[in-house]
Protein backbone atom coordinates (compact mmCIF):
# COMPACT_ATOMS: atom_id res chain seq x y z
CA MET A 1 -20.05 3.05 -24.85
CA THR A 2 -16.73 3.25 -23.29
CA PHE A 3 -14.63 0.22 -21.94
CA GLN A 4 -13.37 0.62 -18.45
CA ALA A 5 -10.67 -1.73 -17.33
CA PRO A 6 -11.27 -3.51 -14.02
CA GLY A 7 -9.41 -2.15 -11.08
CA PRO A 8 -6.47 -3.92 -9.48
CA ASP A 9 -8.49 -5.58 -6.75
CA VAL A 10 -11.19 -6.87 -8.97
CA ALA A 11 -11.04 -10.83 -8.88
CA ILE A 12 -11.34 -11.92 -12.47
CA TYR A 13 -8.61 -14.56 -13.32
CA VAL A 14 -9.44 -18.22 -12.83
CA ILE A 15 -6.81 -20.32 -11.21
CA SER A 16 -5.47 -21.70 -14.58
CA VAL A 17 -5.04 -18.25 -16.02
CA ALA A 18 -3.43 -16.89 -12.82
CA ALA A 19 -0.97 -19.82 -12.89
CA GLU A 20 -0.05 -19.24 -16.53
CA LEU A 21 0.33 -15.51 -15.95
CA THR A 22 2.60 -15.93 -12.88
CA GLY A 23 4.54 -18.88 -14.19
CA LEU A 24 3.51 -20.97 -11.11
CA HIS A 25 1.78 -24.25 -11.01
CA PRO A 26 -1.95 -24.15 -9.78
CA GLN A 27 -1.19 -26.50 -6.90
CA THR A 28 1.50 -23.83 -5.86
CA LEU A 29 -1.16 -21.22 -5.80
CA ARG A 30 -3.48 -23.44 -3.63
CA THR A 31 -0.54 -24.05 -1.23
CA TYR A 32 0.21 -20.34 -0.86
CA GLU A 33 -3.61 -19.86 -0.14
CA ARG A 34 -3.57 -22.62 2.55
CA MET A 35 -0.43 -20.87 4.16
CA GLY A 36 -2.23 -17.67 4.17
CA LEU A 37 0.20 -15.77 1.72
CA ILE A 38 -2.70 -15.06 -0.61
CA THR A 39 -6.51 -14.81 -0.43
CA PRO A 40 -8.16 -15.11 -3.79
CA GLY A 41 -11.72 -14.21 -4.08
CA ARG A 42 -14.34 -16.78 -4.47
CA THR A 43 -17.35 -17.35 -6.84
CA VAL A 44 -20.62 -18.34 -5.57
CA GLY A 45 -19.73 -21.97 -6.54
CA GLY A 46 -16.45 -21.60 -4.57
CA GLY A 47 -14.12 -21.31 -7.41
CA ARG A 48 -11.04 -19.23 -6.98
CA ARG A 49 -10.67 -15.81 -8.67
CA TYR A 50 -7.54 -13.78 -8.71
CA SER A 51 -7.11 -10.04 -9.01
CA HIS A 52 -4.27 -8.15 -10.69
CA ARG A 53 -3.02 -7.29 -7.34
CA ASP A 54 -3.01 -11.01 -6.39
CA LEU A 55 -0.85 -11.78 -9.46
CA GLU A 56 1.55 -9.27 -8.50
CA ARG A 57 1.79 -10.63 -4.88
CA LEU A 58 2.12 -14.20 -6.30
CA ARG A 59 5.00 -12.84 -8.71
CA THR A 60 6.69 -11.29 -5.50
CA ILE A 61 6.43 -14.58 -3.48
CA ALA A 62 7.98 -16.50 -6.48
CA GLU A 63 10.81 -14.07 -6.91
CA LEU A 64 11.53 -14.14 -3.14
CA THR A 65 11.36 -17.84 -2.76
CA SER A 66 13.48 -18.45 -5.94
CA SER A 67 16.20 -16.04 -4.31
CA GLY A 68 16.48 -18.47 -1.43
CA ILE A 69 14.12 -16.94 1.08
CA GLY A 70 12.09 -19.33 2.96
CA ILE A 71 8.37 -19.16 3.20
CA GLU A 72 8.35 -17.65 6.75
CA GLY A 73 10.79 -15.12 5.59
CA VAL A 74 8.45 -14.41 2.61
CA ARG A 75 5.60 -13.93 5.09
CA ARG A 76 7.62 -11.60 7.36
CA LEU A 77 8.67 -9.46 4.32
CA LEU A 78 5.16 -9.18 2.99
CA ASP A 79 3.88 -8.23 6.44
CA LEU A 80 6.64 -5.54 6.74
CA GLU A 81 5.60 -4.17 3.34
CA ASN A 82 1.90 -4.01 4.31
CA ARG A 83 2.89 -2.25 7.63
CA LEU A 84 5.08 0.17 5.67
CA ALA A 85 2.13 1.00 3.27
CA ALA A 86 -0.24 1.60 6.12
CA LEU A 87 2.33 3.80 7.84
CA GLN A 88 2.92 5.82 4.58
CA ALA A 89 -0.79 6.15 4.11
CA ARG A 90 -1.32 7.30 7.77
CA ASN A 91 1.71 9.71 7.49
CA HIS A 92 0.09 11.31 4.38
CA GLU A 93 -3.32 11.65 6.26
CA LEU A 94 -1.57 13.30 9.01
CA GLN A 95 0.47 15.61 6.76
CA VAL A 96 -2.82 16.74 5.11
CA GLU A 97 -4.44 17.33 8.47
CA LEU A 98 -1.20 19.40 9.68
CA ASP A 99 -1.37 21.47 6.43
CA ALA A 100 -5.18 22.17 6.98
CA THR A 101 -4.51 23.27 10.57
CA ARG A 102 -1.70 25.53 9.51
CA GLU A 103 -3.97 27.09 7.10
CA ALA A 104 -6.63 27.59 9.59
CA LEU A 105 -4.32 29.14 12.05
CA ARG A 106 -2.98 31.50 9.35
CA GLN A 107 -6.56 32.49 8.49
CA ALA A 108 -7.35 33.06 12.17
CA LEU A 109 -4.16 35.17 12.61
CA SER A 110 -4.90 37.30 9.56
CA ALA A 111 -8.48 37.83 10.93
CA ARG A 112 -6.95 38.97 14.29
CA ARG A 113 -4.65 41.25 12.54
CA GLN A 114 -7.48 42.85 10.55
CA GLU A 115 -9.36 43.35 13.93
CA GLY A 116 -6.36 45.15 15.45
CA GLN A 117 -5.94 42.33 18.15
CA PRO A 118 -2.60 41.32 19.35
CA VAL A 119 -1.04 38.32 17.39
CA ASN A 120 1.10 35.71 19.06
CA ARG A 121 3.94 34.00 17.26
CA LEU A 122 2.83 30.35 17.07
CA PRO A 123 5.41 27.77 16.27
CA VAL A 124 3.06 25.56 14.48
CA LEU A 125 3.06 28.22 11.58
CA ARG A 126 6.78 28.13 11.02
CA GLN A 127 7.67 26.30 7.72
CA PRO A 128 8.67 22.71 8.25
CA PRO A 129 12.21 21.63 7.31
CA PRO A 130 12.74 19.98 4.03
CA SER A 131 11.39 16.37 3.88
CA GLN A 132 13.65 13.68 4.92
CA SER A 133 13.87 10.56 2.74
CA MET A 134 14.59 7.04 3.74
CA MET A 135 16.32 4.58 1.27
CA VAL A 136 15.71 0.87 1.54
CA TRP A 137 18.46 -1.27 0.16
CA ARG A 138 17.83 -4.75 -1.00
CA ARG A 139 20.69 -7.19 -1.17
CA SER A 140 20.68 -8.88 -4.52
CA HIS A 141 22.48 -12.20 -5.18
């Protein structure tokens, strides 16, 4: 029998353990939930259960508020982080789709060459320029 650790989204920590692991008071966790900053899982009886990802989010909220950022600022930053992650995931999906399309076109061109048919120079088959990176700077106090 092998032990498999729960995934980062499995809600397993009761509120007292989540509070201890994050260094926050349980009432602070309840407040953040009321404000919509965190949404813990619930047991059948209604008890809160926090996942590892929830704990990381709570630590991020605590770090931001302790650096002087207000709750609305924290909410905005978390929203922007979520949007960035969604855009990065979508960008990856589109890149995979583009790569598959290029490969299909290459195969179609190869088949046309083998059949002796004329071959057009398709711009989509050109190699893309090197990837451009974006750096995000965070001001530290």
